[in-house]
Structure formats: structure tokens, C-alpha cells
Amino acid sequence: MTIAKVVEISADSPNGFDAAAKEGLQRARETLDGVKGAWIKDQQIELGQDGTPSYRVNMKVTFVMK
């Protein structure tokens, strides 16, 4: 029997949504064993005081428990 768990994480990048998602998944794989995929729940753009955008994704990451 396989048991999976889902955790929600946020990641951001100045280089776009794709870069933020890749960075979030990379960090999840460093921390969690058995990462199987992710679902992008939400995307946001926040502007810094100088107008520079920061791209943020909120995602649900699924991993298989041992």
C-alpha cells in the first residue's frame, strides 16, 4: 500500500513564475523524499519599492511516505 502526503509551499523569483516553480520544487526535493509532483494553486506578482516585480507561486507538493 502506498501512502502519499501533500504539503503547501510558496516560492518566489525575480525571473518569472516558471523560475519560482522550479526553485520551489528543487527545494522540496532537497527536503522531502519521494516527491512525485506539484499543483500550482496560485500565482502572484508583488512589486518592490523600486517597481521591480517578484513572482510568487503557491503550490501543493505530493510526496510518497516511507
N, C-alpha and C. Protein backbone atom coordinates (compact mmCIF):
# COMPACT_ATOMS: atom_id res chain seq x y z
N MET A 1 0.85 -1.17 0.00
CA MET A 1 0.00 0.00 0.00
C MET A 1 0.89 1.24 0.00
N THR A 2 0.53 2.23 -0.79
CA THR A 2 1.28 3.48 -0.87
C THR A 2 0.49 4.59 -0.20
N ILE A 3 1.17 5.33 0.65
CA ILE A 3 0.57 6.48 1.31
C ILE A 3 1.31 7.73 0.85
N ALA A 4 0.56 8.73 0.43
CA ALA A 4 1.15 9.99 -0.02
C ALA A 4 0.70 11.12 0.89
N LYS A 5 1.51 12.15 0.96
CA LYS A 5 1.19 13.32 1.76
C LYS A 5 1.34 14.55 0.87
N VAL A 6 0.56 15.58 1.16
CA VAL A 6 0.60 16.82 0.39
C VAL A 6 0.96 17.96 1.34
N VAL A 7 1.95 18.76 0.95
CA VAL A 7 2.31 19.94 1.72
C VAL A 7 2.19 21.16 0.80
N GLU A 8 1.87 22.29 1.38
CA GLU A 8 1.76 23.52 0.61
C GLU A 8 2.98 24.39 0.85
N ILE A 9 3.60 24.85 -0.22
CA ILE A 9 4.77 25.72 -0.11
C ILE A 9 4.61 26.93 -1.02
N SER A 10 5.36 27.97 -0.72
CA SER A 10 5.44 29.17 -1.55
C SER A 10 6.88 29.38 -1.96
N ALA A 11 7.07 29.84 -3.18
CA ALA A 11 8.41 30.14 -3.67
C ALA A 11 8.33 31.39 -4.54
N ASP A 12 9.41 32.17 -4.53
CA ASP A 12 9.40 33.35 -5.38
C ASP A 12 10.72 33.51 -6.12
N SER A 13 10.66 34.30 -7.19
CA SER A 13 11.81 34.54 -8.03
C SER A 13 11.62 35.87 -8.76
N PRO A 14 12.71 36.57 -9.02
CA PRO A 14 12.59 37.78 -9.84
C PRO A 14 12.53 37.47 -11.34
N ASN A 15 12.70 36.19 -11.70
CA ASN A 15 12.81 35.78 -13.10
C ASN A 15 11.55 35.16 -13.69
N GLY A 16 10.43 35.21 -13.01
CA GLY A 16 9.18 34.71 -13.57
C GLY A 16 8.59 33.55 -12.79
N PHE A 17 7.34 33.22 -13.16
CA PHE A 17 6.61 32.15 -12.48
C PHE A 17 7.28 30.79 -12.66
N ASP A 18 7.77 30.51 -13.87
CA ASP A 18 8.42 29.24 -14.14
C ASP A 18 9.65 29.04 -13.25
N ALA A 19 10.45 30.09 -13.12
CA ALA A 19 11.64 30.01 -12.27
C ALA A 19 11.25 29.82 -10.81
N ALA A 20 10.19 30.47 -10.36
CA ALA A 20 9.73 30.32 -8.98
C ALA A 20 9.27 28.88 -8.72
N ALA A 21 8.52 28.31 -9.67
CA ALA A 21 8.04 26.93 -9.51
C ALA A 21 9.21 25.95 -9.49
N LYS A 22 10.18 26.13 -10.39
CA LYS A 22 11.35 25.25 -10.41
C LYS A 22 12.15 25.35 -9.12
N GLU A 23 12.32 26.57 -8.60
CA GLU A 23 13.06 26.75 -7.36
C GLU A 23 12.32 26.10 -6.19
N GLY A 24 11.01 26.24 -6.15
CA GLY A 24 10.22 25.61 -5.09
C GLY A 24 10.31 24.10 -5.12
N LEU A 25 10.21 23.52 -6.33
CA LEU A 25 10.31 22.07 -6.45
C LEU A 25 11.71 21.57 -6.11
N GLN A 26 12.73 22.31 -6.52
CA GLN A 26 14.11 21.93 -6.19
C GLN A 26 14.30 21.88 -4.68
N ARG A 27 13.81 22.90 -3.99
CA ARG A 27 13.95 22.94 -2.54
C ARG A 27 13.15 21.82 -1.88
N ALA A 28 11.96 21.54 -2.39
CA ALA A 28 11.15 20.46 -1.85
C ALA A 28 11.86 19.13 -2.00
N ARG A 29 12.51 18.90 -3.16
CA ARG A 29 13.23 17.64 -3.39
C ARG A 29 14.44 17.50 -2.49
N GLU A 30 15.04 18.63 -2.08
CA GLU A 30 16.18 18.58 -1.15
C GLU A 30 15.73 18.23 0.26
N THR A 31 14.49 18.58 0.59
CA THR A 31 13.97 18.41 1.95
C THR A 31 13.14 17.14 2.11
N LEU A 32 12.37 16.79 1.09
CA LEU A 32 11.43 15.67 1.17
C LEU A 32 11.88 14.52 0.26
N ASP A 33 11.73 13.30 0.75
CA ASP A 33 12.00 12.12 -0.07
C ASP A 33 10.73 11.72 -0.81
N GLY A 34 10.87 11.26 -2.02
CA GLY A 34 9.74 10.70 -2.76
C GLY A 34 8.80 11.72 -3.36
N VAL A 35 9.29 12.92 -3.73
CA VAL A 35 8.43 13.92 -4.36
C VAL A 35 7.95 13.39 -5.71
N LYS A 36 6.65 13.42 -5.93
CA LYS A 36 6.06 12.88 -7.15
C LYS A 36 5.50 13.95 -8.07
N GLY A 37 5.19 15.13 -7.56
CA GLY A 37 4.63 16.17 -8.42
C GLY A 37 4.13 17.35 -7.61
N ALA A 38 3.62 18.34 -8.32
CA ALA A 38 3.11 19.54 -7.67
C ALA A 38 1.96 20.11 -8.47
N TRP A 39 1.10 20.81 -7.79
CA TRP A 39 -0.02 21.50 -8.39
C TRP A 39 0.12 22.97 -8.05
N ILE A 40 0.18 23.84 -9.05
CA ILE A 40 0.28 25.27 -8.82
C ILE A 40 -1.10 25.78 -8.45
N LYS A 41 -1.23 26.21 -7.21
CA LYS A 41 -2.52 26.64 -6.67
C LYS A 41 -2.80 28.11 -6.99
N ASP A 42 -1.76 28.93 -6.95
CA ASP A 42 -1.95 30.37 -7.07
C ASP A 42 -0.67 31.02 -7.57
N GLN A 43 -0.80 32.12 -8.27
CA GLN A 43 0.34 32.91 -8.73
C GLN A 43 0.09 34.37 -8.38
N GLN A 44 1.16 35.07 -7.98
CA GLN A 44 1.05 36.48 -7.63
C GLN A 44 2.29 37.22 -8.10
N ILE A 45 2.11 38.49 -8.39
CA ILE A 45 3.24 39.37 -8.66
C ILE A 45 3.21 40.48 -7.62
N GLU A 46 4.34 40.66 -6.95
CA GLU A 46 4.47 41.75 -5.99
C GLU A 46 5.53 42.70 -6.49
N LEU A 47 5.25 43.99 -6.37
CA LEU A 47 6.21 45.00 -6.82
C LEU A 47 6.97 45.56 -5.62
N GLY A 48 8.29 45.62 -5.78
CA GLY A 48 9.13 46.21 -4.74
C GLY A 48 8.98 47.73 -4.78
N GLN A 49 9.63 48.39 -3.84
CA GLN A 49 9.53 49.85 -3.76
C GLN A 49 10.07 50.52 -5.01
N ASP A 50 11.01 49.89 -5.68
CA ASP A 50 11.55 50.46 -6.91
C ASP A 50 10.79 49.99 -8.16
N GLY A 51 9.71 49.25 -7.97
CA GLY A 51 8.89 48.78 -9.08
C GLY A 51 9.32 47.46 -9.67
N THR A 52 10.36 46.84 -9.10
CA THR A 52 10.84 45.55 -9.59
C THR A 52 9.86 44.44 -9.21
N PRO A 53 9.44 43.64 -10.17
CA PRO A 53 8.48 42.57 -9.84
C PRO A 53 9.15 41.36 -9.18
N SER A 54 8.41 40.73 -8.30
CA SER A 54 8.79 39.45 -7.71
C SER A 54 7.64 38.49 -7.98
N TYR A 55 7.94 37.37 -8.60
CA TYR A 55 6.92 36.41 -9.00
C TYR A 55 6.83 35.31 -7.95
N ARG A 56 5.62 35.07 -7.45
CA ARG A 56 5.43 34.08 -6.40
C ARG A 56 4.41 33.03 -6.84
N VAL A 57 4.72 31.77 -6.53
CA VAL A 57 3.77 30.67 -6.74
C VAL A 57 3.50 29.99 -5.41
N ASN A 58 2.26 29.63 -5.21
CA ASN A 58 1.86 28.80 -4.09
C ASN A 58 1.52 27.45 -4.69
N MET A 59 2.15 26.40 -4.19
CA MET A 59 1.94 25.08 -4.78
C MET A 59 1.73 24.02 -3.72
N LYS A 60 1.05 22.97 -4.12
CA LYS A 60 0.87 21.80 -3.28
C LYS A 60 1.77 20.71 -3.85
N VAL A 61 2.69 20.22 -3.03
CA VAL A 61 3.66 19.22 -3.44
C VAL A 61 3.25 17.87 -2.85
N THR A 62 3.20 16.85 -3.69
CA THR A 62 2.84 15.49 -3.26
C THR A 62 4.10 14.65 -3.16
N PHE A 63 4.24 13.94 -2.04
CA PHE A 63 5.35 13.01 -1.89
C PHE A 63 4.88 11.73 -1.22
N VAL A 64 5.56 10.64 -1.55
CA VAL A 64 5.19 9.31 -1.03
C VAL A 64 5.92 9.10 0.29
N MET A 65 5.17 8.68 1.30
CA MET A 65 5.74 8.43 2.61
C MET A 65 6.36 7.02 2.65
N LYS A 66 7.42 6.89 3.40
CA LYS A 66 8.07 5.58 3.56
C LYS A 66 7.41 4.78 4.63
